[in-house]
């Protein structure tokens, strides 16, 4: 009988080990701002848009409409986004950043940048580029669309 490979011989295991650590540290950073990773994803997606329909936001992020609805409700309660009627569709609604949300996004982006630096500054620029390129290639090959939020 063959001896099974060690766990760290599996790329997926190594990716998960790094991903879990990066994600958990980022979540701790965001907790100081009273925002979850999932909420950050929604805030960042809305930052470059005047407003988006919840269905469009769900499609863009690869999340369900129900997930977007729950996240929107939480962000509205925190006064970070607003829900308003869609002038193009009498039955539709749009989500947009509130002034408080717009001001918070750069602060949260700085946390994301610092978290990345804490983990990936050990890599040279060419190594970082190669890693990013390899991950994007895998994402494209598998047609991965869902935005990681945990």
N, C-alpha and C. Protein backbone atom coordinates (compact mmCIF):
# COMPACT_ATOMS: atom_id res chain seq x y z
N UNK A 1 0.84 -1.18 0.00
CA UNK A 1 0.00 0.00 0.00
C UNK A 1 0.89 1.25 0.00
N UNK A 2 0.51 2.22 -0.83
CA UNK A 2 1.28 3.46 -0.92
C UNK A 2 1.04 4.34 0.29
N UNK A 3 2.09 5.00 0.68
CA UNK A 3 1.96 5.96 1.78
C UNK A 3 1.29 7.22 1.23
N UNK A 4 0.24 7.72 1.89
CA UNK A 4 -0.41 8.95 1.41
C UNK A 4 0.53 10.15 1.53
N UNK A 5 0.36 11.06 0.60
CA UNK A 5 1.18 12.28 0.62
C UNK A 5 0.89 13.10 1.87
N UNK A 6 1.89 13.80 2.32
CA UNK A 6 1.72 14.72 3.46
C UNK A 6 0.73 15.80 3.05
N UNK A 7 0.05 16.37 4.04
CA UNK A 7 -0.92 17.43 3.74
C UNK A 7 -0.29 18.57 2.96
N UNK A 8 0.90 19.01 3.38
CA UNK A 8 1.50 20.18 2.73
C UNK A 8 2.10 19.86 1.36
N UNK A 9 1.90 18.63 0.89
CA UNK A 9 2.26 18.30 -0.49
C UNK A 9 1.14 18.69 -1.44
N UNK A 10 -0.01 19.06 -0.89
CA UNK A 10 -1.18 19.43 -1.69
C UNK A 10 -1.28 20.95 -1.79
N UNK A 11 -1.28 21.46 -3.01
CA UNK A 11 -1.38 22.90 -3.23
C UNK A 11 -2.65 23.46 -2.59
N UNK A 12 -3.76 22.75 -2.73
CA UNK A 12 -5.01 23.21 -2.14
C UNK A 12 -4.91 23.40 -0.64
N UNK A 13 -4.21 22.50 0.04
CA UNK A 13 -4.02 22.63 1.48
C UNK A 13 -3.21 23.88 1.79
N UNK A 14 -2.13 24.11 1.04
CA UNK A 14 -1.30 25.29 1.26
C UNK A 14 -2.08 26.58 0.99
N UNK A 15 -2.86 26.58 -0.10
CA UNK A 15 -3.68 27.76 -0.40
C UNK A 15 -4.66 28.04 0.72
N UNK A 16 -5.29 26.98 1.24
CA UNK A 16 -6.27 27.14 2.31
C UNK A 16 -5.60 27.66 3.58
N UNK A 17 -4.41 27.17 3.88
CA UNK A 17 -3.70 27.61 5.06
C UNK A 17 -3.40 29.11 4.99
N UNK A 18 -2.90 29.56 3.86
CA UNK A 18 -2.61 30.99 3.68
C UNK A 18 -3.91 31.79 3.64
N UNK A 19 -4.88 31.32 2.88
CA UNK A 19 -6.15 32.03 2.74
C UNK A 19 -6.84 32.21 4.08
N UNK A 20 -6.87 31.15 4.89
CA UNK A 20 -7.51 31.27 6.20
C UNK A 20 -6.83 32.32 7.06
N UNK A 21 -5.51 32.31 7.08
CA UNK A 21 -4.78 33.28 7.91
C UNK A 21 -5.00 34.70 7.41
N UNK A 22 -4.89 34.91 6.10
CA UNK A 22 -5.09 36.25 5.53
C UNK A 22 -6.51 36.73 5.83
N UNK A 23 -7.49 35.87 5.61
CA UNK A 23 -8.90 36.24 5.82
C UNK A 23 -9.20 36.53 7.28
N UNK A 24 -8.70 35.70 8.18
CA UNK A 24 -8.97 35.91 9.60
C UNK A 24 -8.34 37.20 10.10
N UNK A 25 -7.13 37.49 9.69
CA UNK A 25 -6.51 38.75 10.11
C UNK A 25 -7.23 39.95 9.52
N UNK A 26 -7.67 39.84 8.27
CA UNK A 26 -8.42 40.94 7.66
C UNK A 26 -9.74 41.15 8.39
N UNK A 27 -10.41 40.07 8.73
CA UNK A 27 -11.68 40.18 9.47
C UNK A 27 -11.46 40.88 10.80
N UNK A 28 -10.35 40.58 11.49
CA UNK A 28 -10.05 41.25 12.77
C UNK A 28 -9.82 42.74 12.56
N UNK A 29 -9.13 43.10 11.49
CA UNK A 29 -8.90 44.52 11.19
C UNK A 29 -10.22 45.24 10.96
N UNK A 30 -11.10 44.62 10.17
CA UNK A 30 -12.38 45.24 9.85
C UNK A 30 -13.30 45.32 11.06
N UNK A 31 -13.17 44.36 11.97
CA UNK A 31 -14.01 44.36 13.17
C UNK A 31 -13.78 45.65 13.97
N UNK A 32 -12.58 46.18 13.90
CA UNK A 32 -12.28 47.45 14.57
C UNK A 32 -13.05 48.62 13.97
N UNK A 33 -13.52 48.44 12.74
CA UNK A 33 -14.32 49.46 12.06
C UNK A 33 -15.80 49.10 12.09
N UNK A 34 -16.15 48.02 12.80
CA UNK A 34 -17.53 47.54 12.92
C UNK A 34 -18.12 47.09 11.57
N UNK A 35 -17.27 46.49 10.74
CA UNK A 35 -17.68 46.02 9.42
C UNK A 35 -17.16 44.59 9.24
N UNK A 36 -17.97 43.75 8.61
CA UNK A 36 -17.52 42.39 8.28
C UNK A 36 -16.87 42.38 6.90
N UNK A 37 -16.21 41.28 6.59
CA UNK A 37 -15.60 41.14 5.27
C UNK A 37 -16.68 41.20 4.18
N UNK A 38 -17.80 40.52 4.40
CA UNK A 38 -18.89 40.54 3.41
C UNK A 38 -19.41 41.97 3.21
N UNK A 39 -19.53 42.72 4.30
CA UNK A 39 -20.00 44.10 4.18
C UNK A 39 -18.98 44.95 3.43
N UNK A 40 -17.69 44.73 3.68
CA UNK A 40 -16.64 45.44 2.96
C UNK A 40 -16.74 45.18 1.46
N UNK A 41 -16.99 43.94 1.09
CA UNK A 41 -17.10 43.59 -0.33
C UNK A 41 -18.22 44.40 -0.98
N UNK A 42 -19.36 44.50 -0.32
CA UNK A 42 -20.48 45.27 -0.86
C UNK A 42 -20.14 46.76 -0.92
N UNK A 43 -19.56 47.28 0.13
CA UNK A 43 -19.19 48.70 0.14
C UNK A 43 -18.21 49.01 -0.99
N UNK A 44 -17.22 48.16 -1.18
CA UNK A 44 -16.23 48.41 -2.23
C UNK A 44 -16.86 48.32 -3.61
N UNK A 45 -17.78 47.37 -3.79
CA UNK A 45 -18.45 47.24 -5.09
C UNK A 45 -19.30 48.46 -5.40
N UNK A 46 -19.90 49.07 -4.38
CA UNK A 46 -20.73 50.25 -4.60
C UNK A 46 -19.91 51.53 -4.75
N UNK A 47 -18.67 51.50 -4.36
CA UNK A 47 -17.86 52.72 -4.34
C UNK A 47 -17.71 53.38 -5.70
N UNK A 48 -17.57 52.60 -6.75
CA UNK A 48 -17.33 53.15 -8.08
C UNK A 48 -18.59 53.35 -8.90
N UNK A 49 -19.74 53.17 -8.27
CA UNK A 49 -21.02 53.30 -8.95
C UNK A 49 -21.89 54.33 -8.25
N UNK A 50 -22.67 55.11 -9.00
CA UNK A 50 -23.59 56.02 -8.31
C UNK A 50 -24.66 55.25 -7.54
N UNK A 51 -25.11 54.12 -8.09
CA UNK A 51 -26.09 53.25 -7.44
C UNK A 51 -26.22 51.98 -8.27
N UNK A 52 -26.62 50.90 -7.62
CA UNK A 52 -26.82 49.63 -8.32
C UNK A 52 -28.09 48.97 -7.81
N UNK A 53 -28.77 48.30 -8.71
CA UNK A 53 -29.90 47.47 -8.31
C UNK A 53 -29.34 46.28 -7.52
N UNK A 54 -30.06 45.83 -6.50
CA UNK A 54 -29.58 44.67 -5.74
C UNK A 54 -29.29 43.46 -6.63
N UNK A 55 -30.11 43.24 -7.65
CA UNK A 55 -29.88 42.10 -8.54
C UNK A 55 -28.57 42.26 -9.32
N UNK A 56 -28.26 43.48 -9.74
CA UNK A 56 -27.01 43.74 -10.46
C UNK A 56 -25.81 43.55 -9.54
N UNK A 57 -25.96 44.00 -8.29
CA UNK A 57 -24.89 43.83 -7.31
C UNK A 57 -24.67 42.34 -7.03
N UNK A 58 -25.75 41.59 -6.89
CA UNK A 58 -25.66 40.15 -6.66
C UNK A 58 -24.93 39.47 -7.82
N UNK A 59 -25.30 39.82 -9.04
CA UNK A 59 -24.66 39.23 -10.22
C UNK A 59 -23.18 39.59 -10.28
N UNK A 60 -22.87 40.82 -10.00
CA UNK A 60 -21.47 41.28 -10.05
C UNK A 60 -20.61 40.54 -9.04
N UNK A 61 -21.16 40.28 -7.86
CA UNK A 61 -20.38 39.66 -6.80
C UNK A 61 -20.52 38.14 -6.75
N UNK A 62 -21.41 37.58 -7.57
CA UNK A 62 -21.61 36.15 -7.55
C UNK A 62 -22.29 35.68 -6.27
N UNK A 63 -23.11 36.55 -5.69
CA UNK A 63 -23.86 36.22 -4.48
C UNK A 63 -25.34 36.11 -4.81
N UNK A 64 -26.10 35.52 -3.93
CA UNK A 64 -27.53 35.41 -4.16
C UNK A 64 -28.20 36.75 -3.83
N UNK A 65 -29.39 36.94 -4.37
CA UNK A 65 -30.15 38.15 -4.05
C UNK A 65 -30.49 38.19 -2.57
N UNK A 66 -30.76 37.03 -2.00
CA UNK A 66 -31.04 36.96 -0.56
C UNK A 66 -29.85 37.42 0.27
N UNK A 67 -28.65 37.00 -0.12
CA UNK A 67 -27.45 37.42 0.60
C UNK A 67 -27.27 38.93 0.49
N UNK A 68 -27.48 39.47 -0.71
CA UNK A 68 -27.36 40.92 -0.90
C UNK A 68 -28.40 41.65 -0.06
N UNK A 69 -29.61 41.13 -0.01
CA UNK A 69 -30.67 41.76 0.78
C UNK A 69 -30.29 41.83 2.25
N UNK A 70 -29.76 40.73 2.79
CA UNK A 70 -29.36 40.70 4.20
C UNK A 70 -28.20 41.66 4.46
N UNK A 71 -27.22 41.65 3.56
CA UNK A 71 -26.09 42.57 3.72
C UNK A 71 -26.54 44.02 3.62
N UNK A 72 -27.42 44.30 2.66
CA UNK A 72 -27.92 45.66 2.50
C UNK A 72 -28.65 46.11 3.76
N UNK A 73 -29.48 45.25 4.32
CA UNK A 73 -30.20 45.61 5.54
C UNK A 73 -29.24 45.95 6.67
N UNK A 74 -28.18 45.17 6.81
CA UNK A 74 -27.19 45.44 7.86
C UNK A 74 -26.46 46.76 7.61
N UNK A 75 -26.09 47.01 6.35
CA UNK A 75 -25.36 48.24 6.02
C UNK A 75 -26.26 49.47 6.13
N UNK A 76 -27.53 49.32 5.83
CA UNK A 76 -28.48 50.42 6.01
C UNK A 76 -28.62 50.73 7.49
N UNK A 77 -28.72 49.70 8.32
CA UNK A 77 -28.83 49.90 9.77
C UNK A 77 -27.58 50.60 10.33
N UNK A 78 -26.44 50.39 9.69
CA UNK A 78 -25.19 51.04 10.11
C UNK A 78 -25.01 52.41 9.46
N UNK A 79 -25.98 52.82 8.65
CA UNK A 79 -25.95 54.10 7.94
C UNK A 79 -24.80 54.22 6.94
N UNK A 80 -24.39 53.06 6.37
CA UNK A 80 -23.30 53.06 5.41
C UNK A 80 -23.77 53.01 3.97
N UNK A 81 -25.01 52.53 3.74
CA UNK A 81 -25.61 52.61 2.42
C UNK A 81 -27.05 53.07 2.57
N UNK A 82 -27.62 53.46 1.44
CA UNK A 82 -29.03 53.86 1.41
C UNK A 82 -29.72 53.07 0.32
N UNK A 83 -31.00 52.86 0.52
CA UNK A 83 -31.86 52.21 -0.48
C UNK A 83 -32.82 53.28 -0.97
N UNK A 84 -32.92 53.41 -2.29
CA UNK A 84 -33.84 54.42 -2.84
C UNK A 84 -34.57 53.85 -4.04
N UNK A 85 -35.66 54.49 -4.40
CA UNK A 85 -36.44 54.06 -5.57
C UNK A 85 -35.63 54.27 -6.84
N UNK A 86 -35.82 53.36 -7.77
CA UNK A 86 -35.17 53.44 -9.08
C UNK A 86 -36.02 54.33 -9.98
N UNK A 87 -35.51 55.47 -10.44
CA UNK A 87 -36.30 56.35 -11.30
C UNK A 87 -36.63 55.73 -12.66
N UNK A 88 -35.90 54.69 -13.06
CA UNK A 88 -36.14 54.01 -14.34
C UNK A 88 -37.16 52.88 -14.23
N UNK A 89 -37.43 52.44 -12.99
CA UNK A 89 -38.31 51.30 -12.78
C UNK A 89 -39.14 51.56 -11.52
N UNK A 90 -40.43 51.78 -11.70
CA UNK A 90 -41.30 52.14 -10.57
C UNK A 90 -41.30 51.10 -9.46
N UNK A 91 -41.04 49.84 -9.79
CA UNK A 91 -41.03 48.79 -8.78
C UNK A 91 -39.63 48.51 -8.25
N UNK A 92 -38.61 49.07 -8.88
CA UNK A 92 -37.23 48.75 -8.53
C UNK A 92 -36.65 49.64 -7.46
N UNK A 93 -35.58 49.15 -6.88
CA UNK A 93 -34.83 49.92 -5.89
C UNK A 93 -33.36 49.90 -6.26
N UNK A 94 -32.64 50.88 -5.74
CA UNK A 94 -31.21 50.98 -5.95
C UNK A 94 -30.51 51.07 -4.61
N UNK A 95 -29.28 50.59 -4.58
CA UNK A 95 -28.43 50.72 -3.40
C UNK A 95 -27.28 51.65 -3.74
N UNK A 96 -26.95 52.52 -2.79
CA UNK A 96 -25.84 53.46 -2.99
C UNK A 96 -25.16 53.70 -1.65
N UNK A 97 -23.91 54.11 -1.72
CA UNK A 97 -23.20 54.47 -0.50
C UNK A 97 -23.79 55.73 0.10
N UNK A 98 -23.89 55.77 1.40
CA UNK A 98 -24.22 57.01 2.11
C UNK A 98 -22.93 57.83 2.20
N UNK A 99 -23.01 59.09 2.59
CA UNK A 99 -21.77 59.85 2.79
C UNK A 99 -20.82 59.17 3.78
N UNK A 100 -21.39 58.58 4.85
CA UNK A 100 -20.57 57.88 5.83
C UNK A 100 -19.89 56.66 5.20
N UNK A 101 -20.64 55.93 4.38
CA UNK A 101 -20.07 54.77 3.70
C UNK A 101 -18.98 55.17 2.72
N UNK A 102 -19.22 56.24 1.97
CA UNK A 102 -18.23 56.72 1.00
C UNK A 102 -16.94 57.11 1.71
N UNK A 103 -17.05 57.73 2.88
CA UNK A 103 -15.87 58.13 3.64
C UNK A 103 -15.14 56.92 4.24
N UNK A 104 -15.88 55.86 4.53
CA UNK A 104 -15.28 54.69 5.17
C UNK A 104 -14.52 53.79 4.19
N UNK A 105 -14.94 53.75 2.94
CA UNK A 105 -14.31 52.83 1.99
C UNK A 105 -12.80 53.01 1.89
N UNK A 106 -12.26 54.23 1.77
CA UNK A 106 -10.80 54.36 1.72
C UNK A 106 -10.10 53.87 3.00
N UNK A 107 -10.75 54.04 4.14
CA UNK A 107 -10.19 53.54 5.40
C UNK A 107 -10.11 52.02 5.37
N UNK A 108 -11.18 51.39 4.91
CA UNK A 108 -11.21 49.93 4.81
C UNK A 108 -10.23 49.42 3.76
N UNK A 109 -10.11 50.15 2.66
CA UNK A 109 -9.16 49.77 1.61
C UNK A 109 -7.73 49.82 2.15
N UNK A 110 -7.45 50.79 3.01
CA UNK A 110 -6.13 50.86 3.63
C UNK A 110 -5.88 49.63 4.51
N UNK A 111 -6.90 49.19 5.23
CA UNK A 111 -6.77 47.96 6.01
C UNK A 111 -6.47 46.77 5.10
N UNK A 112 -7.15 46.70 3.96
CA UNK A 112 -6.92 45.61 3.00
C UNK A 112 -5.49 45.66 2.47
N UNK A 113 -5.03 46.86 2.13
CA UNK A 113 -3.66 47.01 1.63
C UNK A 113 -2.63 46.61 2.67
N UNK A 114 -2.85 47.04 3.92
CA UNK A 114 -1.90 46.70 4.99
C UNK A 114 -1.92 45.21 5.29
N UNK A 115 -3.11 44.60 5.22
CA UNK A 115 -3.20 43.16 5.46
C UNK A 115 -2.45 42.40 4.37
N UNK A 116 -2.64 42.81 3.12
CA UNK A 116 -1.88 42.19 2.02
C UNK A 116 -0.38 42.36 2.23
N UNK A 117 0.03 43.57 2.61
CA UNK A 117 1.45 43.82 2.82
C UNK A 117 2.01 42.93 3.93
N UNK A 118 1.26 42.77 5.01
CA UNK A 118 1.72 41.93 6.12
C UNK A 118 2.01 40.51 5.66
N UNK A 119 1.22 40.01 4.73
CA UNK A 119 1.40 38.63 4.27
C UNK A 119 2.29 38.51 3.05
N UNK A 120 2.20 39.42 2.13
CA UNK A 120 2.81 39.20 0.83
C UNK A 120 4.04 40.07 0.53
N UNK A 121 4.39 40.98 1.43
CA UNK A 121 5.60 41.76 1.19
C UNK A 121 6.87 40.92 1.29
N UNK A 122 6.77 39.73 1.82
CA UNK A 122 7.91 38.82 1.87
C UNK A 122 8.29 38.35 0.45
N UNK A 123 7.35 38.45 -0.47
CA UNK A 123 7.59 38.06 -1.85
C UNK A 123 8.19 39.22 -2.63
N UNK A 124 9.04 38.91 -3.58
CA UNK A 124 9.57 39.94 -4.47
C UNK A 124 8.45 40.38 -5.42
N UNK A 125 8.65 41.49 -6.07
CA UNK A 125 7.65 41.97 -7.04
C UNK A 125 7.38 40.92 -8.12
N UNK A 126 8.42 40.29 -8.69
CA UNK A 126 8.13 39.25 -9.69
C UNK A 126 7.38 38.04 -9.10
N UNK A 127 7.69 37.68 -7.85
CA UNK A 127 6.97 36.56 -7.22
C UNK A 127 5.51 36.91 -6.99
N UNK A 128 5.26 38.13 -6.54
CA UNK A 128 3.87 38.58 -6.34
C UNK A 128 3.12 38.57 -7.66
N UNK A 129 3.76 39.07 -8.69
CA UNK A 129 3.14 39.10 -10.02
C UNK A 129 2.85 37.69 -10.51
N UNK A 130 3.79 36.77 -10.32
CA UNK A 130 3.60 35.39 -10.75
C UNK A 130 2.47 34.74 -9.96
N UNK A 131 2.43 34.98 -8.66
CA UNK A 131 1.36 34.41 -7.83
C UNK A 131 0.00 34.95 -8.26
N UNK A 132 -0.09 36.25 -8.42
CA UNK A 132 -1.35 36.87 -8.86
C UNK A 132 -1.77 36.33 -10.21
N UNK A 133 -0.82 36.24 -11.13
CA UNK A 133 -1.12 35.71 -12.46
C UNK A 133 -1.59 34.27 -12.41
N UNK A 134 -0.95 33.46 -11.61
CA UNK A 134 -1.33 32.05 -11.50
C UNK A 134 -2.73 31.92 -10.90
N UNK A 135 -3.02 32.69 -9.86
CA UNK A 135 -4.35 32.64 -9.25
C UNK A 135 -5.42 33.11 -10.22
N UNK A 136 -5.15 34.19 -10.95
CA UNK A 136 -6.13 34.67 -11.94
C UNK A 136 -6.35 33.65 -13.05
N UNK A 137 -5.29 32.95 -13.43
CA UNK A 137 -5.41 31.91 -14.45
C UNK A 137 -6.32 30.78 -13.95
N UNK A 138 -6.13 30.38 -12.71
CA UNK A 138 -6.98 29.33 -12.12
C UNK A 138 -8.43 29.79 -12.01
N UNK A 139 -8.62 31.03 -11.61
CA UNK A 139 -9.98 31.60 -11.48
C UNK A 139 -10.66 31.60 -12.85
N UNK A 140 -9.94 32.04 -13.87
CA UNK A 140 -10.51 32.08 -15.22
C UNK A 140 -10.79 30.67 -15.74
N UNK A 141 -9.86 29.77 -15.53
CA UNK A 141 -10.01 28.40 -16.03
C UNK A 141 -11.23 27.71 -15.43
N UNK A 142 -11.47 27.95 -14.15
CA UNK A 142 -12.59 27.31 -13.46
C UNK A 142 -13.85 28.17 -13.49
N UNK A 143 -13.73 29.35 -14.13
CA UNK A 143 -14.85 30.29 -14.23
C UNK A 143 -15.44 30.60 -12.85
N UNK A 144 -14.54 30.87 -11.92
CA UNK A 144 -14.97 31.18 -10.55
C UNK A 144 -15.52 32.59 -10.53
N UNK A 145 -16.71 32.74 -10.00
CA UNK A 145 -17.36 34.06 -9.98
C UNK A 145 -17.73 34.50 -8.58
N UNK A 146 -17.97 33.56 -7.71
CA UNK A 146 -18.42 33.92 -6.36
C UNK A 146 -17.33 34.69 -5.64
N UNK A 147 -17.72 35.79 -5.03
CA UNK A 147 -16.79 36.60 -4.27
C UNK A 147 -16.64 35.99 -2.89
N UNK A 148 -15.40 35.72 -2.47
CA UNK A 148 -15.23 35.18 -1.12
C UNK A 148 -15.58 36.25 -0.08
N UNK A 149 -16.41 35.87 0.87
CA UNK A 149 -16.85 36.84 1.87
C UNK A 149 -16.62 36.36 3.29
N UNK A 150 -16.00 35.20 3.46
CA UNK A 150 -15.73 34.74 4.82
C UNK A 150 -14.28 34.40 5.01
